[in-house]
Amino acid sequence: MSSKVKASASVRITSGIPGLDNLIDGGFVSGSIILVTGATGTGKTTFCAQYLMEGLKKGEPCIYITLEESPEEIKHDMKMFGLNFDKYEKSGLFKIFHHNPFEVSDISSLLSDEINEMKAKRVVLDPVSLIGMYVSHPAVLRKRMVEIAKALKRTDATVIITSEIEEEQKGLSRFGVVEFVVDVVIVMQYLDIGEQSFGNLQIRKMRRTKHAHGWFPLDIVRSGLKVSKEGVSTVMK
């Protein structure tokens, strides 16, 4: 491991999700790329918003890049959890961009330019699975994702990207590619057992750090998401 990698591994970026940092040795490794993946309604966008709000409260420049929903829709949804980005946007500490990947010829350069201009420390790209919808061949998609990952790595940001998993789908992302080019994979799921519903979270992969293994309860409360340190029983997995 190079001295540069060792140095970055010692710097931790807090997640903003109560209970999660205790499971990942204090937080995400600075400069890493984190995939947050799961089916519809598992809390991926809320996870991202809490991550960015954690940074904004510390005075860190942050960017939310949406490839699907409009900025107005995302900000409106987050206000339901008391996460109001308006004042940070007005102060210039936060920016939210909307890009249509079908209309952008070089998404890698566009992302790195926006991040570097802002000098952002935390970035969200949501959802990266949309890029796979206009790349037909898996090899071409993987090459494209590697290019995006390299562009993100050249910035000083710690980046969360999201991907959807269809119900009953095998694999960790919509097209089974993204999980191989990122540093961290966090899987979120929603289970119905009888008349009750349960949210769970798994840290499937995390480079350069120790992390807890297994599934952990994920609760959605008025303030957002929180993770329990008690592992989920095998009945619920």
C-alpha atoms as a PDB file:
ATOM      1  CA  MET A   1       0.000   0.000   0.000  1.00  0.00           C
ATOM      2  CA  SER A   2       1.461   3.359  -1.049  1.00  0.00           C
ATOM      3  CA  SER A   3       2.016   6.175   1.464  1.00  0.00           C
ATOM      4  CA  LYS A   4      -0.712   8.220  -0.261  1.00  0.00           C
ATOM      5  CA  VAL A   5      -3.247   5.408   0.080  1.00  0.00           C
ATOM      6  CA  LYS A   6      -2.225   4.825   3.695  1.00  0.00           C
ATOM      7  CA  ALA A   7      -2.720   8.510   4.469  1.00  0.00           C
ATOM      8  CA  SER A   8      -6.178   8.604   2.891  1.00  0.00           C
ATOM      9  CA  ALA A   9      -7.186   5.428   4.720  1.00  0.00           C
ATOM     10  CA  SER A  10      -6.455   7.119   8.044  1.00  0.00           C
ATOM     11  CA  VAL A  11      -8.855  10.008   7.298  1.00  0.00           C
ATOM     12  CA  ARG A  12     -12.482   9.116   7.928  1.00  0.00           C
ATOM     13  CA  ILE A  13     -15.566  10.828   6.503  1.00  0.00           C
ATOM     14  CA  THR A  14     -18.558  10.477   8.813  1.00  0.00           C
ATOM     15  CA  SER A  15     -21.650   9.069   7.118  1.00  0.00           C
ATOM     16  CA  GLY A  16     -24.375  11.129   8.783  1.00  0.00           C
ATOM     17  CA  ILE A  17     -26.326   7.910   9.429  1.00  0.00           C
ATOM     18  CA  PRO A  18     -26.626   7.288  13.206  1.00  0.00           C
ATOM     19  CA  GLY A  19     -25.155   3.905  14.079  1.00  0.00           C
ATOM     20  CA  LEU A  20     -23.400   3.277  10.758  1.00  0.00           C
ATOM     21  CA  ASP A  21     -19.971   4.731  11.569  1.00  0.00           C
ATOM     22  CA  ASN A  22     -19.647   2.309  14.473  1.00  0.00           C
ATOM     23  CA  LEU A  23     -19.803  -0.513  11.931  1.00  0.00           C
ATOM     24  CA  ILE A  24     -17.211   0.905   9.500  1.00  0.00           C
ATOM     25  CA  ASP A  25     -14.306   1.869  11.753  1.00  0.00           C
ATOM     26  CA  GLY A  26     -15.419   5.466  12.198  1.00  0.00           C
ATOM     27  CA  GLY A  27     -16.601   6.375   8.712  1.00  0.00           C
ATOM     28  CA  PHE A  28     -15.834   6.121   5.008  1.00  0.00           C
ATOM     29  CA  VAL A  29     -12.241   6.323   3.826  1.00  0.00           C
ATOM     30  CA  SER A  30     -11.558   9.787   2.439  1.00  0.00           C
ATOM     31  CA  GLY A  31     -11.587   9.846  -1.355  1.00  0.00           C
ATOM     32  CA  SER A  32     -13.450   6.568  -1.716  1.00  0.00           C
ATOM     33  CA  ILE A  33     -16.406   5.803  -3.974  1.00  0.00           C
ATOM     34  CA  ILE A  34     -19.382   4.260  -2.196  1.00  0.00           C
ATOM     35  CA  LEU A  35     -22.182   2.390  -3.922  1.00  0.00           C
ATOM     36  CA  VAL A  36     -25.509   2.522  -2.088  1.00  0.00           C
ATOM     37  CA  THR A  37     -27.777  -0.010  -3.738  1.00  0.00           C
ATOM     38  CA  GLY A  38     -31.203  -1.513  -3.173  1.00  0.00           C
ATOM     39  CA  ALA A  39     -34.725  -1.897  -4.486  1.00  0.00           C
ATOM     40  CA  THR A  40     -37.223   0.938  -4.779  1.00  0.00           C
ATOM     41  CA  GLY A  41     -38.254   2.455  -1.447  1.00  0.00           C
ATOM     42  CA  THR A  42     -35.344   1.216   0.642  1.00  0.00           C
ATOM     43  CA  GLY A  43     -34.099   4.718   1.530  1.00  0.00           C
ATOM     44  CA  LYS A  44     -31.204   5.299  -0.880  1.00  0.00           C
ATOM     45  CA  THR A  45     -31.975   8.970  -1.562  1.00  0.00           C
ATOM     46  CA  THR A  46     -32.519   9.669   2.146  1.00  0.00           C
ATOM     47  CA  PHE A  47     -29.152   8.030   2.889  1.00  0.00           C
ATOM     48  CA  CYS A  48     -27.493  10.352   0.372  1.00  0.00           C
ATOM     49  CA  ALA A  49     -29.202  13.452   1.726  1.00  0.00           C
ATOM     50  CA  GLN A  50     -28.132  12.689   5.302  1.00  0.00           C
ATOM     51  CA  TYR A  51     -24.570  12.134   4.097  1.00  0.00           C
ATOM     52  CA  LEU A  52     -24.475  15.532   2.421  1.00  0.00           C
ATOM     53  CA  MET A  53     -26.159  17.320   5.324  1.00  0.00           C
ATOM     54  CA  GLU A  54     -23.509  15.915   7.661  1.00  0.00           C
ATOM     55  CA  GLY A  55     -20.855  17.612   5.563  1.00  0.00           C
ATOM     56  CA  LEU A  56     -22.740  20.881   5.164  1.00  0.00           C
ATOM     57  CA  LYS A  57     -23.096  21.219   8.932  1.00  0.00           C
ATOM     58  CA  LYS A  58     -19.291  20.958   9.113  1.00  0.00           C
ATOM     59  CA  GLY A  59     -18.829  23.645   6.464  1.00  0.00           C
ATOM     60  CA  GLU A  60     -17.834  21.233   3.688  1.00  0.00           C
ATOM     61  CA  PRO A  61     -18.831  22.120   0.086  1.00  0.00           C
ATOM     62  CA  CYS A  62     -21.219  19.474  -1.252  1.00  0.00           C
ATOM     63  CA  ILE A  63     -22.820  18.574  -4.583  1.00  0.00           C
ATOM     64  CA  TYR A  64     -25.848  16.465  -5.424  1.00  0.00           C
ATOM     65  CA  ILE A  65     -25.921  15.325  -9.062  1.00  0.00           C
ATOM     66  CA  THR A  66     -29.237  13.841 -10.102  1.00  0.00           C
ATOM     67  CA  LEU A  67     -29.674  11.962 -13.368  1.00  0.00           C
ATOM     68  CA  GLU A  68     -33.380  11.318 -12.929  1.00  0.00           C
ATOM     69  CA  GLU A  69     -35.531  13.327 -10.503  1.00  0.00           C
ATOM     70  CA  SER A  70     -35.585  17.109 -10.660  1.00  0.00           C
ATOM     71  CA  PRO A  71     -33.709  19.118  -8.004  1.00  0.00           C
ATOM     72  CA  GLU A  72     -37.032  20.517  -6.778  1.00  0.00           C
ATOM     73  CA  GLU A  73     -38.456  17.021  -6.223  1.00  0.00           C
ATOM     74  CA  ILE A  74     -35.402  15.861  -4.296  1.00  0.00           C
ATOM     75  CA  LYS A  75     -35.290  18.927  -2.049  1.00  0.00           C
ATOM     76  CA  HIS A  76     -39.021  18.657  -1.391  1.00  0.00           C
ATOM     77  CA  ASP A  77     -38.733  14.988  -0.410  1.00  0.00           C
ATOM     78  CA  MET A  78     -35.839  15.688   1.952  1.00  0.00           C
ATOM     79  CA  LYS A  79     -37.732  18.439   3.761  1.00  0.00           C
ATOM     80  CA  MET A  80     -40.074  15.694   4.993  1.00  0.00           C
ATOM     81  CA  PHE A  81     -37.163  14.490   7.157  1.00  0.00           C
ATOM     82  CA  GLY A  82     -36.214  17.979   8.275  1.00  0.00           C
ATOM     83  CA  LEU A  83     -33.315  18.184   5.814  1.00  0.00           C
ATOM     84  CA  ASN A  84     -33.521  21.677   4.331  1.00  0.00           C
ATOM     85  CA  PHE A  85     -30.767  22.455   1.830  1.00  0.00           C
ATOM     86  CA  ASP A  86     -32.053  25.920   0.864  1.00  0.00           C
ATOM     87  CA  LYS A  87     -29.856  27.994   3.174  1.00  0.00           C
ATOM     88  CA  TYR A  88     -26.731  26.089   2.157  1.00  0.00           C
ATOM     89  CA  GLU A  89     -27.615  26.527  -1.513  1.00  0.00           C
ATOM     90  CA  LYS A  90     -28.077  30.274  -1.025  1.00  0.00           C
ATOM     91  CA  SER A  91     -24.717  30.544   0.745  1.00  0.00           C
ATOM     92  CA  GLY A  92     -22.947  28.737  -2.107  1.00  0.00           C
ATOM     93  CA  LEU A  93     -21.890  25.793   0.032  1.00  0.00           C
ATOM     94  CA  PHE A  94     -24.274  23.396  -1.730  1.00  0.00           C
ATOM     95  CA  LYS A  95     -25.232  22.887  -5.367  1.00  0.00           C
ATOM     96  CA  ILE A  96     -27.594  20.449  -7.002  1.00  0.00           C
ATOM     97  CA  PHE A  97     -27.312  19.651 -10.698  1.00  0.00           C
ATOM     98  CA  HIS A  98     -29.604  17.727 -13.029  1.00  0.00           C
ATOM     99  CA  HIS A  99     -28.109  16.026 -16.094  1.00  0.00           C
ATOM    100  CA  ASN A 100     -29.751  13.819 -18.687  1.00  0.00           C
ATOM    101  CA  PRO A 101     -27.153  11.106 -19.459  1.00  0.00           C
ATOM    102  CA  PHE A 102     -28.773  10.618 -22.876  1.00  0.00           C
ATOM    103  CA  GLU A 103     -27.819  14.188 -23.788  1.00  0.00           C
ATOM    104  CA  VAL A 104     -24.282  14.318 -22.317  1.00  0.00           C
ATOM    105  CA  SER A 105     -21.490  12.997 -24.528  1.00  0.00           C
ATOM    106  CA  ASP A 106     -18.721  13.041 -21.893  1.00  0.00           C
ATOM    107  CA  ILE A 107     -20.255  12.577 -18.444  1.00  0.00           C
ATOM    108  CA  SER A 108     -16.856  11.843 -16.823  1.00  0.00           C
ATOM    109  CA  SER A 109     -15.370  15.236 -17.693  1.00  0.00           C
ATOM    110  CA  LEU A 110     -18.587  17.045 -16.803  1.00  0.00           C
ATOM    111  CA  LEU A 111     -18.671  15.481 -13.328  1.00  0.00           C
ATOM    112  CA  SER A 112     -15.020  16.152 -12.542  1.00  0.00           C
ATOM    113  CA  ASP A 113     -15.277  19.763 -13.784  1.00  0.00           C
ATOM    114  CA  GLU A 114     -18.289  20.468 -11.557  1.00  0.00           C
ATOM    115  CA  ILE A 115     -16.661  18.866  -8.520  1.00  0.00           C
ATOM    116  CA  ASN A 116     -13.326  20.632  -8.986  1.00  0.00           C
ATOM    117  CA  GLU A 117     -14.935  24.027  -9.632  1.00  0.00           C
ATOM    118  CA  MET A 118     -16.920  23.702  -6.417  1.00  0.00           C
ATOM    119  CA  LYS A 119     -13.973  22.096  -4.551  1.00  0.00           C
ATOM    120  CA  ALA A 120     -16.582  19.716  -3.186  1.00  0.00           C
ATOM    121  CA  LYS A 121     -15.660  17.361  -0.369  1.00  0.00           C
ATOM    122  CA  ARG A 122     -18.836  15.273  -0.567  1.00  0.00           C
ATOM    123  CA  VAL A 123     -20.653  14.309  -3.749  1.00  0.00           C
ATOM    124  CA  VAL A 124     -23.722  12.232  -4.581  1.00  0.00           C
ATOM    125  CA  LEU A 125     -24.401  10.812  -8.059  1.00  0.00           C
ATOM    126  CA  ASP A 126     -27.960   9.461  -8.196  1.00  0.00           C
ATOM    127  CA  PRO A 127     -28.729   7.037  -9.860  1.00  0.00           C
ATOM    128  CA  VAL A 128     -25.748   5.726 -11.820  1.00  0.00           C
ATOM    129  CA  SER A 129     -27.872   2.810 -13.076  1.00  0.00           C
ATOM    130  CA  LEU A 130     -29.487   5.210 -15.539  1.00  0.00           C
ATOM    131  CA  ILE A 131     -26.207   5.363 -17.477  1.00  0.00           C
ATOM    132  CA  GLY A 132     -26.468   1.644 -18.219  1.00  0.00           C
ATOM    133  CA  MET A 133     -29.763   2.135 -20.017  1.00  0.00           C
ATOM    134  CA  TYR A 134     -28.069   3.657 -23.056  1.00  0.00           C
ATOM    135  CA  VAL A 135     -25.008   1.349 -23.105  1.00  0.00           C
ATOM    136  CA  SER A 136     -26.039  -1.995 -24.599  1.00  0.00           C
ATOM    137  CA  HIS A 137     -22.898  -4.132 -24.191  1.00  0.00           C
ATOM    138  CA  PRO A 138     -21.691  -5.112 -20.668  1.00  0.00           C
ATOM    139  CA  ALA A 139     -18.019  -4.636 -21.623  1.00  0.00           C
ATOM    140  CA  VAL A 140     -18.708  -1.124 -22.898  1.00  0.00           C
ATOM    141  CA  LEU A 141     -20.687  -0.308 -19.762  1.00  0.00           C
ATOM    142  CA  ARG A 142     -17.870  -1.508 -17.511  1.00  0.00           C
ATOM    143  CA  LYS A 143     -15.356   0.588 -19.467  1.00  0.00           C
ATOM    144  CA  ARG A 144     -17.630   3.608 -19.099  1.00  0.00           C
ATOM    145  CA  MET A 145     -18.010   3.031 -15.356  1.00  0.00           C
ATOM    146  CA  VAL A 146     -14.239   2.673 -14.943  1.00  0.00           C
ATOM    147  CA  GLU A 147     -13.789   6.009 -16.730  1.00  0.00           C
ATOM    148  CA  ILE A 148     -16.312   7.665 -14.401  1.00  0.00           C
ATOM    149  CA  ALA A 149     -14.666   6.120 -11.333  1.00  0.00           C
ATOM    150  CA  LYS A 150     -11.222   7.345 -12.427  1.00  0.00           C
ATOM    151  CA  ALA A 151     -12.580  10.851 -13.021  1.00  0.00           C
ATOM    152  CA  LEU A 152     -14.152  10.909  -9.563  1.00  0.00           C
ATOM    153  CA  LYS A 153     -10.942   9.584  -7.983  1.00  0.00           C
ATOM    154  CA  ARG A 154      -8.968  12.482  -9.443  1.00  0.00           C
ATOM    155  CA  THR A 155     -10.995  14.886  -7.320  1.00  0.00           C
ATOM    156  CA  ASP A 156     -10.704  15.365  -3.547  1.00  0.00           C
ATOM    157  CA  ALA A 157     -14.294  14.292  -3.003  1.00  0.00           C
ATOM    158  CA  THR A 158     -15.701  11.263  -1.228  1.00  0.00           C
ATOM    159  CA  VAL A 159     -18.500  10.144  -3.528  1.00  0.00           C
ATOM    160  CA  ILE A 160     -21.702   8.176  -3.038  1.00  0.00           C
ATOM    161  CA  ILE A 161     -23.314   6.723  -6.144  1.00  0.00           C
ATOM    162  CA  THR A 162     -26.647   4.923  -6.122  1.00  0.00           C
ATOM    163  CA  SER A 163     -28.012   2.059  -8.153  1.00  0.00           C
ATOM    164  CA  GLU A 164     -31.335   0.278  -8.210  1.00  0.00           C
ATOM    165  CA  ILE A 165     -31.842  -3.450  -7.847  1.00  0.00           C
ATOM    166  CA  GLU A 166     -35.035  -4.866  -9.282  1.00  0.00           C
ATOM    167  CA  GLU A 167     -37.097  -7.070  -6.987  1.00  0.00           C
ATOM    168  CA  GLU A 168     -35.744 -10.643  -6.830  1.00  0.00           C
ATOM    169  CA  GLN A 169     -32.751  -9.595  -8.957  1.00  0.00           C
ATOM    170  CA  LYS A 170     -29.417 -11.296  -8.359  1.00  0.00           C
ATOM    171  CA  GLY A 171     -26.363  -9.057  -8.238  1.00  0.00           C
ATOM    172  CA  LEU A 172     -25.648  -5.801  -6.461  1.00  0.00           C
ATOM    173  CA  SER A 173     -26.614  -3.266  -9.122  1.00  0.00           C
ATOM    174  CA  ARG A 174     -29.052  -2.980 -12.015  1.00  0.00           C
ATOM    175  CA  PHE A 175     -26.538  -4.195 -14.616  1.00  0.00           C
ATOM    176  CA  GLY A 176     -24.093  -6.088 -12.378  1.00  0.00           C
ATOM    177  CA  VAL A 177     -21.116  -3.847 -13.165  1.00  0.00           C
ATOM    178  CA  VAL A 178     -20.876  -0.908 -10.761  1.00  0.00           C
ATOM    179  CA  GLU A 179     -20.059  -3.002  -7.679  1.00  0.00           C
ATOM    180  CA  PHE A 180     -16.730  -4.043  -9.214  1.00  0.00           C
ATOM    181  CA  VAL A 181     -15.368  -0.515  -9.749  1.00  0.00           C
ATOM    182  CA  VAL A 182     -16.208   1.058  -6.370  1.00  0.00           C
ATOM    183  CA  ASP A 183     -14.477   0.898  -2.979  1.00  0.00           C
ATOM    184  CA  VAL A 184     -17.561   0.334  -0.835  1.00  0.00           C
ATOM    185  CA  VAL A 185     -20.866  -1.458  -1.421  1.00  0.00           C
ATOM    186  CA  ILE A 186     -23.769  -0.873   0.965  1.00  0.00           C
ATOM    187  CA  VAL A 187     -26.901  -2.906   0.278  1.00  0.00           C
ATOM    188  CA  MET A 188     -30.287  -1.780   1.553  1.00  0.00           C
ATOM    189  CA  GLN A 189     -33.342  -4.026   1.583  1.00  0.00           C
ATOM    190  CA  TYR A 190     -36.939  -3.992   2.704  1.00  0.00           C
ATOM    191  CA  LEU A 191     -38.565  -7.209   3.922  1.00  0.00           C
ATOM    192  CA  ASP A 192     -42.175  -8.083   4.628  1.00  0.00           C
ATOM    193  CA  ILE A 193     -42.657 -10.806   7.243  1.00  0.00           C
ATOM    194  CA  GLY A 194     -46.301 -11.462   7.937  1.00  0.00           C
ATOM    195  CA  GLU A 195     -47.945  -8.110   8.552  1.00  0.00           C
ATOM    196  CA  GLN A 196     -44.704  -6.393   9.552  1.00  0.00           C
ATOM    197  CA  SER A 197     -42.043  -4.698   7.425  1.00  0.00           C
ATOM    198  CA  PHE A 198     -38.347  -4.433   8.215  1.00  0.00           C
ATOM    199  CA  GLY A 199     -35.506  -2.422   6.713  1.00  0.00           C
ATOM    200  CA  ASN A 200     -32.013  -3.935   6.742  1.00  0.00           C
ATOM    201  CA  LEU A 201     -28.537  -2.806   5.735  1.00  0.00           C
ATOM    202  CA  GLN A 202     -25.443  -4.796   4.787  1.00  0.00           C
ATOM    203  CA  ILE A 203     -21.864  -3.571   4.317  1.00  0.00           C
ATOM    204  CA  ARG A 204     -21.068  -5.958   1.501  1.00  0.00           C
ATOM    205  CA  LYS A 205     -17.650  -4.576   0.587  1.00  0.00           C
ATOM    206  CA  MET A 206     -15.256  -2.010   2.023  1.00  0.00           C
ATOM    207  CA  ARG A 207     -11.656  -1.629   0.915  1.00  0.00           C
ATOM    208  CA  ARG A 208      -8.843  -0.559   3.236  1.00  0.00           C
ATOM    209  CA  THR A 209     -10.852  -0.822   6.428  1.00  0.00           C
ATOM    210  CA  LYS A 210     -12.367  -3.212   8.932  1.00  0.00           C
ATOM    211  CA  HIS A 211     -16.140  -3.407   8.932  1.00  0.00           C
ATOM    212  CA  ALA A 212     -18.959  -5.352  10.516  1.00  0.00           C
ATOM    213  CA  HIS A 213     -20.408  -8.303   8.621  1.00  0.00           C
ATOM    214  CA  GLY A 214     -24.022  -9.399   8.370  1.00  0.00           C
ATOM    215  CA  TRP A 215     -27.330  -7.553   8.126  1.00  0.00           C
ATOM    216  CA  PHE A 216     -28.286  -4.763  10.511  1.00  0.00           C
ATOM    217  CA  PRO A 217     -31.700  -3.239  11.245  1.00  0.00           C
ATOM    218  CA  LEU A 218     -32.348  -0.012   9.351  1.00  0.00           C
ATOM    219  CA  ASP A 219     -35.055   2.186  10.807  1.00  0.00           C
ATOM    220  CA  ILE A 220     -36.738   5.116   9.074  1.00  0.00           C
ATOM    221  CA  VAL A 221     -37.641   7.693  11.709  1.00  0.00           C
ATOM    222  CA  ARG A 222     -38.793  11.336  11.530  1.00  0.00           C
ATOM    223  CA  SER A 223     -35.199  12.546  11.244  1.00  0.00           C
ATOM    224  CA  GLY A 224     -34.230  10.008   8.560  1.00  0.00           C
ATOM    225  CA  LEU A 225     -32.347   6.705   8.717  1.00  0.00           C
ATOM    226  CA  LYS A 226     -30.571   5.074  11.634  1.00  0.00           C
ATOM    227  CA  VAL A 227     -28.774   1.728  11.937  1.00  0.00           C
ATOM    228  CA  SER A 228     -28.791  -0.643  14.905  1.00  0.00           C
ATOM    229  CA  LYS A 229     -25.540  -2.355  15.908  1.00  0.00           C
ATOM    230  CA  GLU A 230     -27.387  -5.566  16.706  1.00  0.00           C
ATOM    231  CA  GLY A 231     -27.183  -8.046  13.831  1.00  0.00           C
ATOM    232  CA  VAL A 232     -30.354  -9.309  12.196  1.00  0.00           C
ATOM    233  CA  SER A 233     -31.318 -12.895  12.962  1.00  0.00           C
ATOM    234  CA  THR A 234     -31.027 -15.495  10.209  1.00  0.00           C
ATOM    235  CA  VAL A 235     -34.836 -15.679  10.058  1.00  0.00           C
ATOM    236  CA  MET A 236     -34.945 -12.136   8.659  1.00  0.00           C
ATOM    237  CA  LYS A 237     -32.095 -12.396   6.160  1.00  0.00           C
END
